[in-house]
Amino acid sequence: MRRRIAALAGAAILPGLLLAALSGSARADAATGSYTILNAGNGQCLASPLRPLVVMLPCDGTAHQQWTISPTGTGPFSIRNVATGQYVTVSGGAALTSPSAAYWGISAPGNSGSSISVPGTNLSLTRLLGNGVVVQHATGANSQGWNLVPVMAG
């Protein structure tokens, strides 16, 4: 467990560790799998310890901080929590979990990691000060950058 957490901490400084496999094009099947999603601004992990809230917490390697990313077949992805089976959705601007899948665009990594956005809009998943997560207009800030780190089995 300590080795996994240490690996996550080291990965937080490598923008877009996962999506380098995209080789320049955002193929829908390239990102399928389970990941820890770290914020580029603070290195904390996207988590869902208390349904329906999605929050930022220090990375600890638990299933509440692991997400399965699956293609929808039309380009966007669903993001589902491994521990709860709930999907990341949006309600009133807040990031929540729900049994119904919402769809997200995931960009190839840039200087601030990957962008996770609502397809067809200018809205991106955004970390607030503290541990809140919302959807706001995309600005390219580190608070809207995400590093997707594959979960290692075992």
N, C-alpha and C. Protein backbone atom coordinates (compact mmCIF):
# COMPACT_ATOMS: atom_id res chain seq x y z
N MET A 1 0.83 -1.20 0.00
CA MET A 1 0.00 0.00 0.00
C MET A 1 0.87 1.26 0.00
N ARG A 2 1.93 1.28 0.84
CA ARG A 2 2.78 2.47 0.87
C ARG A 2 3.46 2.71 -0.46
N ARG A 3 3.86 1.62 -1.12
CA ARG A 3 4.50 1.75 -2.43
C ARG A 3 3.54 2.38 -3.43
N ARG A 4 2.25 1.98 -3.40
CA ARG A 4 1.25 2.51 -4.31
C ARG A 4 1.04 4.01 -4.05
N ILE A 5 0.96 4.41 -2.77
CA ILE A 5 0.76 5.82 -2.43
C ILE A 5 1.98 6.63 -2.85
N ALA A 6 3.17 6.09 -2.61
CA ALA A 6 4.38 6.80 -3.03
C ALA A 6 4.40 6.97 -4.54
N ALA A 7 3.97 5.95 -5.27
CA ALA A 7 3.91 6.06 -6.74
C ALA A 7 2.93 7.12 -7.16
N LEU A 8 1.79 7.22 -6.47
CA LEU A 8 0.81 8.26 -6.80
C LEU A 8 1.38 9.63 -6.54
N ALA A 9 2.07 9.80 -5.42
CA ALA A 9 2.64 11.11 -5.10
C ALA A 9 3.64 11.53 -6.16
N GLY A 10 4.48 10.60 -6.62
CA GLY A 10 5.44 10.91 -7.67
C GLY A 10 4.76 11.21 -8.99
N ALA A 11 3.66 10.54 -9.27
CA ALA A 11 2.96 10.73 -10.54
C ALA A 11 2.27 12.07 -10.60
N ALA A 12 1.96 12.67 -9.46
CA ALA A 12 1.24 13.93 -9.44
C ALA A 12 2.00 15.04 -10.17
N ILE A 13 3.32 14.91 -10.27
CA ILE A 13 4.09 15.97 -10.92
C ILE A 13 4.32 15.68 -12.40
N LEU A 14 3.78 14.56 -12.89
CA LEU A 14 3.94 14.22 -14.30
C LEU A 14 2.62 14.44 -15.02
N PRO A 15 2.40 15.59 -15.66
CA PRO A 15 1.12 15.86 -16.29
C PRO A 15 0.76 14.81 -17.33
N GLY A 16 -0.49 14.38 -17.26
CA GLY A 16 -1.03 13.51 -18.29
C GLY A 16 -0.33 12.17 -18.42
N LEU A 17 0.10 11.59 -17.32
CA LEU A 17 0.83 10.33 -17.37
C LEU A 17 0.11 9.28 -18.20
N LEU A 18 -1.18 9.11 -17.99
CA LEU A 18 -1.94 8.10 -18.71
C LEU A 18 -2.08 8.42 -20.19
N LEU A 19 -2.52 9.62 -20.50
CA LEU A 19 -2.97 9.89 -21.85
C LEU A 19 -1.83 10.06 -22.85
N ALA A 20 -0.61 9.88 -22.41
CA ALA A 20 0.50 9.88 -23.36
C ALA A 20 0.32 8.75 -24.36
N ALA A 21 -0.41 7.71 -23.97
CA ALA A 21 -0.65 6.58 -24.87
C ALA A 21 -1.58 6.94 -26.02
N LEU A 22 -2.17 8.11 -25.98
CA LEU A 22 -3.08 8.51 -27.04
C LEU A 22 -2.33 8.82 -28.34
N SER A 23 -1.04 9.03 -28.26
CA SER A 23 -0.19 9.40 -29.39
C SER A 23 -0.83 10.43 -30.31
N GLY A 24 -1.25 11.53 -29.69
CA GLY A 24 -1.71 12.67 -30.46
C GLY A 24 -3.17 12.66 -30.84
N SER A 25 -3.86 11.54 -30.78
CA SER A 25 -5.27 11.54 -31.13
C SER A 25 -6.08 10.94 -30.00
N ALA A 26 -7.23 11.48 -29.75
CA ALA A 26 -8.07 11.07 -28.62
C ALA A 26 -8.95 9.89 -29.03
N ARG A 27 -8.37 8.72 -29.16
CA ARG A 27 -9.15 7.52 -29.46
C ARG A 27 -9.97 7.14 -28.25
N ALA A 28 -11.22 6.78 -28.46
CA ALA A 28 -12.13 6.49 -27.36
C ALA A 28 -11.68 5.29 -26.53
N ASP A 29 -11.04 4.30 -27.13
CA ASP A 29 -10.67 3.11 -26.36
C ASP A 29 -9.35 3.25 -25.63
N ALA A 30 -8.59 4.32 -25.89
CA ALA A 30 -7.26 4.45 -25.32
C ALA A 30 -7.27 4.67 -23.83
N ALA A 31 -8.31 5.28 -23.27
CA ALA A 31 -8.31 5.62 -21.85
C ALA A 31 -9.14 4.65 -21.01
N THR A 32 -9.65 3.58 -21.58
CA THR A 32 -10.46 2.64 -20.83
C THR A 32 -9.63 2.01 -19.72
N GLY A 33 -10.18 1.97 -18.50
CA GLY A 33 -9.49 1.34 -17.38
C GLY A 33 -9.79 2.06 -16.09
N SER A 34 -9.11 1.65 -15.01
CA SER A 34 -9.29 2.27 -13.69
C SER A 34 -8.10 3.17 -13.38
N TYR A 35 -8.42 4.36 -12.85
CA TYR A 35 -7.42 5.39 -12.62
C TYR A 35 -7.67 6.12 -11.31
N THR A 36 -6.58 6.67 -10.79
CA THR A 36 -6.67 7.69 -9.76
C THR A 36 -6.57 9.00 -10.52
N ILE A 37 -7.44 9.96 -10.20
CA ILE A 37 -7.49 11.24 -10.91
C ILE A 37 -6.99 12.32 -9.97
N LEU A 38 -5.81 12.87 -10.27
CA LEU A 38 -5.17 13.87 -9.42
C LEU A 38 -5.33 15.25 -10.03
N ASN A 39 -5.55 16.25 -9.17
CA ASN A 39 -5.65 17.62 -9.64
C ASN A 39 -4.25 18.19 -9.85
N ALA A 40 -4.03 18.84 -11.00
CA ALA A 40 -2.72 19.41 -11.32
C ALA A 40 -2.36 20.56 -10.40
N GLY A 41 -3.36 21.23 -9.82
CA GLY A 41 -3.09 22.38 -8.97
C GLY A 41 -2.63 22.04 -7.57
N ASN A 42 -3.18 20.96 -7.00
CA ASN A 42 -2.81 20.64 -5.61
C ASN A 42 -2.35 19.20 -5.41
N GLY A 43 -2.39 18.37 -6.44
CA GLY A 43 -1.91 16.99 -6.32
C GLY A 43 -2.80 16.08 -5.52
N GLN A 44 -3.98 16.57 -5.10
CA GLN A 44 -4.91 15.72 -4.36
C GLN A 44 -5.75 14.90 -5.32
N CYS A 45 -6.40 13.86 -4.77
CA CYS A 45 -7.16 12.93 -5.59
C CYS A 45 -8.65 13.23 -5.58
N LEU A 46 -9.28 13.03 -6.73
CA LEU A 46 -10.74 13.09 -6.84
C LEU A 46 -11.28 11.90 -6.06
N ALA A 47 -12.26 12.14 -5.18
CA ALA A 47 -12.76 11.08 -4.30
C ALA A 47 -14.26 11.18 -4.12
N SER A 48 -14.86 10.06 -3.75
CA SER A 48 -16.29 10.03 -3.45
C SER A 48 -16.53 9.20 -2.19
N PRO A 49 -16.06 9.72 -1.03
CA PRO A 49 -16.21 8.95 0.21
C PRO A 49 -17.62 9.03 0.80
N LEU A 50 -18.33 10.11 0.51
CA LEU A 50 -19.67 10.32 1.03
C LEU A 50 -20.59 10.66 -0.12
N ARG A 51 -21.42 9.70 -0.53
CA ARG A 51 -22.34 9.99 -1.63
C ARG A 51 -23.29 11.09 -1.22
N PRO A 52 -23.65 11.96 -2.10
CA PRO A 52 -23.30 12.01 -3.51
C PRO A 52 -22.14 12.96 -3.81
N LEU A 53 -21.41 13.42 -2.81
CA LEU A 53 -20.39 14.43 -3.05
C LEU A 53 -19.15 13.87 -3.73
N VAL A 54 -18.59 14.68 -4.64
CA VAL A 54 -17.28 14.43 -5.22
C VAL A 54 -16.38 15.51 -4.66
N VAL A 55 -15.28 15.11 -4.03
CA VAL A 55 -14.39 16.06 -3.35
C VAL A 55 -12.93 15.75 -3.68
N MET A 56 -12.05 16.63 -3.23
CA MET A 56 -10.61 16.43 -3.33
C MET A 56 -10.09 16.03 -1.96
N LEU A 57 -9.28 14.97 -1.90
CA LEU A 57 -8.68 14.51 -0.65
C LEU A 57 -7.24 14.11 -0.90
N PRO A 58 -6.39 14.12 0.15
CA PRO A 58 -5.05 13.59 -0.03
C PRO A 58 -5.12 12.15 -0.54
N CYS A 59 -4.25 11.80 -1.45
CA CYS A 59 -4.29 10.46 -2.05
C CYS A 59 -3.93 9.40 -1.02
N ASP A 60 -4.77 8.36 -0.95
CA ASP A 60 -4.51 7.27 -0.01
C ASP A 60 -4.65 5.89 -0.65
N GLY A 61 -4.96 5.82 -1.94
CA GLY A 61 -5.01 4.55 -2.64
C GLY A 61 -6.28 3.75 -2.44
N THR A 62 -7.28 4.29 -1.74
CA THR A 62 -8.50 3.53 -1.50
C THR A 62 -9.40 3.52 -2.73
N ALA A 63 -10.35 2.60 -2.74
CA ALA A 63 -11.27 2.47 -3.88
C ALA A 63 -12.14 3.71 -4.05
N HIS A 64 -12.35 4.51 -3.01
CA HIS A 64 -13.13 5.74 -3.14
C HIS A 64 -12.41 6.79 -3.99
N GLN A 65 -11.12 6.57 -4.22
CA GLN A 65 -10.32 7.48 -5.05
C GLN A 65 -9.95 6.83 -6.39
N GLN A 66 -10.61 5.75 -6.73
CA GLN A 66 -10.35 5.08 -7.99
C GLN A 66 -11.58 5.20 -8.89
N TRP A 67 -11.33 5.45 -10.16
CA TRP A 67 -12.40 5.72 -11.12
C TRP A 67 -12.20 4.87 -12.37
N THR A 68 -13.27 4.28 -12.85
CA THR A 68 -13.23 3.55 -14.11
C THR A 68 -13.68 4.48 -15.21
N ILE A 69 -12.84 4.65 -16.21
CA ILE A 69 -13.14 5.51 -17.35
C ILE A 69 -13.48 4.60 -18.52
N SER A 70 -14.67 4.80 -19.07
CA SER A 70 -15.14 3.95 -20.17
C SER A 70 -15.65 4.80 -21.32
N PRO A 71 -15.33 4.41 -22.56
CA PRO A 71 -15.86 5.14 -23.71
C PRO A 71 -17.35 4.88 -23.86
N THR A 72 -18.05 5.86 -24.39
CA THR A 72 -19.49 5.71 -24.62
C THR A 72 -19.79 5.20 -26.02
N GLY A 73 -18.78 5.15 -26.86
CA GLY A 73 -18.98 4.72 -28.23
C GLY A 73 -19.16 5.88 -29.19
N THR A 74 -19.40 7.08 -28.66
CA THR A 74 -19.59 8.26 -29.51
C THR A 74 -18.52 9.31 -29.25
N GLY A 75 -17.48 9.00 -28.49
CA GLY A 75 -16.41 9.96 -28.22
C GLY A 75 -16.26 10.29 -26.76
N PRO A 76 -17.32 10.73 -26.07
CA PRO A 76 -17.17 11.05 -24.64
C PRO A 76 -16.96 9.79 -23.79
N PHE A 77 -16.63 10.00 -22.53
CA PHE A 77 -16.37 8.93 -21.58
C PHE A 77 -17.31 9.05 -20.38
N SER A 78 -17.55 7.93 -19.72
CA SER A 78 -18.20 7.97 -18.41
C SER A 78 -17.09 7.77 -17.37
N ILE A 79 -17.30 8.34 -16.18
CA ILE A 79 -16.33 8.23 -15.08
C ILE A 79 -17.10 7.66 -13.89
N ARG A 80 -16.74 6.43 -13.49
CA ARG A 80 -17.50 5.71 -12.47
C ARG A 80 -16.60 5.36 -11.28
N ASN A 81 -17.08 5.64 -10.06
CA ASN A 81 -16.31 5.35 -8.86
C ASN A 81 -16.25 3.85 -8.61
N VAL A 82 -15.06 3.32 -8.36
CA VAL A 82 -14.86 1.89 -8.14
C VAL A 82 -15.57 1.42 -6.87
N ALA A 83 -15.51 2.21 -5.78
CA ALA A 83 -16.10 1.79 -4.50
C ALA A 83 -17.62 1.82 -4.50
N THR A 84 -18.20 2.86 -5.09
CA THR A 84 -19.65 3.05 -4.98
C THR A 84 -20.41 2.60 -6.22
N GLY A 85 -19.73 2.50 -7.36
CA GLY A 85 -20.42 2.19 -8.62
C GLY A 85 -21.19 3.37 -9.18
N GLN A 86 -21.05 4.54 -8.57
CA GLN A 86 -21.75 5.74 -9.00
C GLN A 86 -20.91 6.51 -10.03
N TYR A 87 -21.60 7.24 -10.92
CA TYR A 87 -20.94 8.01 -11.97
C TYR A 87 -20.81 9.47 -11.57
N VAL A 88 -19.74 10.13 -12.05
CA VAL A 88 -19.60 11.57 -11.86
C VAL A 88 -20.62 12.26 -12.76
N THR A 89 -21.45 13.11 -12.17
CA THR A 89 -22.45 13.88 -12.90
C THR A 89 -22.39 15.32 -12.42
N VAL A 90 -23.26 16.16 -12.95
CA VAL A 90 -23.31 17.56 -12.54
C VAL A 90 -24.74 17.91 -12.17
N SER A 91 -24.90 18.60 -11.05
CA SER A 91 -26.22 19.11 -10.65
C SER A 91 -26.03 20.49 -10.07
N GLY A 92 -26.64 21.48 -10.71
CA GLY A 92 -26.51 22.85 -10.22
C GLY A 92 -25.08 23.35 -10.18
N GLY A 93 -24.24 22.82 -11.04
CA GLY A 93 -22.84 23.25 -11.09
C GLY A 93 -21.93 22.43 -10.20
N ALA A 94 -22.48 21.66 -9.26
CA ALA A 94 -21.66 20.85 -8.36
C ALA A 94 -21.41 19.47 -8.98
N ALA A 95 -20.23 18.93 -8.73
CA ALA A 95 -19.91 17.57 -9.18
C ALA A 95 -20.43 16.60 -8.13
N LEU A 96 -21.29 15.70 -8.55
CA LEU A 96 -21.91 14.73 -7.66
C LEU A 96 -21.77 13.34 -8.28
N THR A 97 -22.21 12.32 -7.54
CA THR A 97 -22.28 11.00 -8.13
C THR A 97 -23.74 10.59 -8.26
N SER A 98 -24.00 9.76 -9.24
CA SER A 98 -25.37 9.34 -9.55
C SER A 98 -25.31 7.93 -10.15
N PRO A 99 -26.40 7.16 -10.03
CA PRO A 99 -26.42 5.86 -10.70
C PRO A 99 -26.51 5.98 -12.22
N SER A 100 -26.85 7.16 -12.73
CA SER A 100 -26.96 7.37 -14.18
C SER A 100 -25.67 8.01 -14.70
N ALA A 101 -25.17 7.49 -15.79
CA ALA A 101 -23.92 7.99 -16.35
C ALA A 101 -24.10 9.36 -16.99
N ALA A 102 -23.14 10.23 -16.76
CA ALA A 102 -23.01 11.49 -17.49
C ALA A 102 -21.78 11.30 -18.37
N TYR A 103 -21.65 12.12 -19.37
CA TYR A 103 -20.56 11.95 -20.32
C TYR A 103 -19.60 13.12 -20.26
N TRP A 104 -18.31 12.80 -20.37
CA TRP A 104 -17.24 13.78 -20.22
C TRP A 104 -16.28 13.66 -21.39
N GLY A 105 -15.78 14.82 -21.82
CA GLY A 105 -14.68 14.84 -22.77
C GLY A 105 -13.39 14.87 -21.97
N ILE A 106 -12.39 14.12 -22.40
CA ILE A 106 -11.10 14.11 -21.74
C ILE A 106 -10.06 14.45 -22.79
N SER A 107 -9.40 15.59 -22.59
CA SER A 107 -8.43 16.05 -23.58
C SER A 107 -7.09 15.36 -23.41
N ALA A 108 -6.29 15.40 -24.47
CA ALA A 108 -4.90 14.96 -24.36
C ALA A 108 -4.21 15.93 -23.40
N PRO A 109 -3.19 15.47 -22.68
CA PRO A 109 -2.57 16.31 -21.66
C PRO A 109 -1.83 17.51 -22.23
N GLY A 110 -1.90 18.61 -21.47
CA GLY A 110 -1.15 19.81 -21.78
C GLY A 110 -0.25 20.13 -20.59
N ASN A 111 0.16 21.37 -20.46
CA ASN A 111 1.02 21.77 -19.35
C ASN A 111 0.36 21.61 -17.99
N SER A 112 -0.96 21.70 -17.94
CA SER A 112 -1.69 21.58 -16.67
C SER A 112 -2.44 20.25 -16.59
N GLY A 113 -2.02 19.24 -17.29
CA GLY A 113 -2.71 17.96 -17.27
C GLY A 113 -3.80 17.93 -18.32
N SER A 114 -4.71 16.99 -18.16
CA SER A 114 -5.83 16.84 -19.08
C SER A 114 -7.02 17.65 -18.59
N SER A 115 -7.86 18.07 -19.51
CA SER A 115 -9.11 18.74 -19.17
C SER A 115 -10.21 17.69 -19.18
N ILE A 116 -11.07 17.73 -18.16
CA ILE A 116 -12.26 16.88 -18.12
C ILE A 116 -13.44 17.84 -18.25
N SER A 117 -14.16 17.75 -19.38
CA SER A 117 -15.16 18.77 -19.68
C SER A 117 -16.49 18.16 -20.10
N VAL A 118 -17.52 18.99 -20.05
CA VAL A 118 -18.85 18.61 -20.52
C VAL A 118 -18.83 18.79 -22.03
N PRO A 119 -19.03 17.70 -22.80
CA PRO A 119 -18.95 17.80 -24.26
C PRO A 119 -19.92 18.85 -24.83
N GLY A 120 -19.43 19.59 -25.82
CA GLY A 120 -20.26 20.58 -26.49
C GLY A 120 -20.43 21.88 -25.71
N THR A 121 -19.68 22.05 -24.62
CA THR A 121 -19.77 23.27 -23.81
C THR A 121 -18.36 23.79 -23.55
N ASN A 122 -18.29 24.91 -22.85
CA ASN A 122 -17.03 25.47 -22.38
C ASN A 122 -16.92 25.26 -20.87
N LEU A 123 -17.44 24.13 -20.37
CA LEU A 123 -17.45 23.84 -18.93
C LEU A 123 -16.49 22.71 -18.60
N SER A 124 -15.66 22.94 -17.58
CA SER A 124 -14.67 21.94 -17.17
C SER A 124 -14.80 21.61 -15.70
N LEU A 125 -14.45 20.37 -15.37
CA LEU A 125 -14.39 19.95 -13.98
C LEU A 125 -13.32 20.79 -13.30
N THR A 126 -13.66 21.40 -12.16
CA THR A 126 -12.80 22.39 -11.52
C THR A 126 -12.70 22.14 -10.03
N ARG A 127 -11.47 22.17 -9.50
CA ARG A 127 -11.26 22.08 -8.06
C ARG A 127 -11.40 23.47 -7.46
N LEU A 128 -12.21 23.56 -6.40
CA LEU A 128 -12.34 24.81 -5.67
C LEU A 128 -11.29 24.87 -4.56
N LEU A 129 -11.08 26.05 -3.97
CA LEU A 129 -10.26 26.13 -2.77
C LEU A 129 -10.92 25.26 -1.72
N GLY A 130 -10.14 24.61 -0.90
CA GLY A 130 -10.70 23.63 0.02
C GLY A 130 -10.77 22.30 -0.70
N ASN A 131 -11.89 21.58 -0.55
CA ASN A 131 -11.94 20.28 -1.21
C ASN A 131 -13.13 20.12 -2.16
N GLY A 132 -13.81 21.22 -2.52
CA GLY A 132 -14.96 21.14 -3.40
C GLY A 132 -14.59 20.93 -4.87
N VAL A 133 -15.52 20.33 -5.61
CA VAL A 133 -15.34 20.12 -7.05
C VAL A 133 -16.63 20.55 -7.74
N VAL A 134 -16.50 21.41 -8.74
CA VAL A 134 -17.66 21.93 -9.48
C VAL A 134 -17.34 21.91 -10.97
N VAL A 135 -18.29 22.37 -11.75
CA VAL A 135 -18.08 22.57 -13.19
C VAL A 135 -18.16 24.07 -13.44
N GLN A 136 -17.12 24.64 -14.04
CA GLN A 136 -17.06 26.07 -14.32
C GLN A 136 -16.55 26.28 -15.74
N HIS A 137 -16.68 27.53 -16.22
CA HIS A 137 -16.16 27.86 -17.56
C HIS A 137 -14.66 27.57 -17.61
N ALA A 138 -14.24 26.97 -18.69
CA ALA A 138 -12.84 26.59 -18.85
C ALA A 138 -11.95 27.82 -18.95
N THR A 139 -10.88 27.81 -18.16
CA THR A 139 -9.90 28.90 -18.19
C THR A 139 -8.49 28.40 -18.45
N GLY A 140 -8.28 27.08 -18.34
CA GLY A 140 -6.94 26.53 -18.48
C GLY A 140 -6.12 26.59 -17.21
N ALA A 141 -6.74 26.98 -16.11
CA ALA A 141 -6.03 27.07 -14.83
C ALA A 141 -5.65 25.68 -14.32
N ASN A 142 -4.64 25.61 -13.45
CA ASN A 142 -4.23 24.34 -12.85
C ASN A 142 -5.38 23.66 -12.12
N SER A 143 -6.31 24.43 -11.59
CA SER A 143 -7.45 23.86 -10.87
C SER A 143 -8.37 23.06 -11.81
N GLN A 144 -8.18 23.23 -13.13
CA GLN A 144 -8.97 22.49 -14.13
C GLN A 144 -8.13 21.44 -14.85
N GLY A 145 -6.92 21.22 -14.37
CA GLY A 145 -6.05 20.22 -14.96
C GLY A 145 -6.07 18.94 -14.13
N TRP A 146 -6.07 17.80 -14.81
CA TRP A 146 -6.19 16.50 -14.13
C TRP A 146 -5.17 15.52 -14.70
N ASN A 147 -4.51 14.79 -13.81
CA ASN A 147 -3.57 13.75 -14.21
C ASN A 147 -4.22 12.40 -13.91
N LEU A 148 -4.33 11.57 -14.92
CA LEU A 148 -4.96 10.26 -14.78
C LEU A 148 -3.86 9.22 -14.63
N VAL A 149 -3.83 8.56 -13.47
CA VAL A 149 -2.76 7.61 -13.15
C VAL A 149 -3.37 6.21 -13.08
N PRO A 150 -2.92 5.28 -13.91
CA PRO A 150 -3.49 3.92 -13.89
C PRO A 150 -3.36 3.29 -12.51
N VAL A 151 -4.42 2.60 -12.09
CA VAL A 151 -4.40 1.88 -10.82
C VAL A 151 -3.66 0.57 -11.06
N MET A 152 -2.67 0.32 -10.24
CA MET A 152 -1.90 -0.92 -10.36
C MET A 152 -2.61 -2.05 -9.63
N ALA A 153 -2.73 -3.17 -10.26
CA ALA A 153 -3.37 -4.33 -9.63
C ALA A 153 -2.46 -4.87 -8.52
N GLY A 154 -3.11 -5.34 -7.43
CA GLY A 154 -2.37 -5.96 -6.34
C GLY A 154 -1.88 -4.99 -5.40
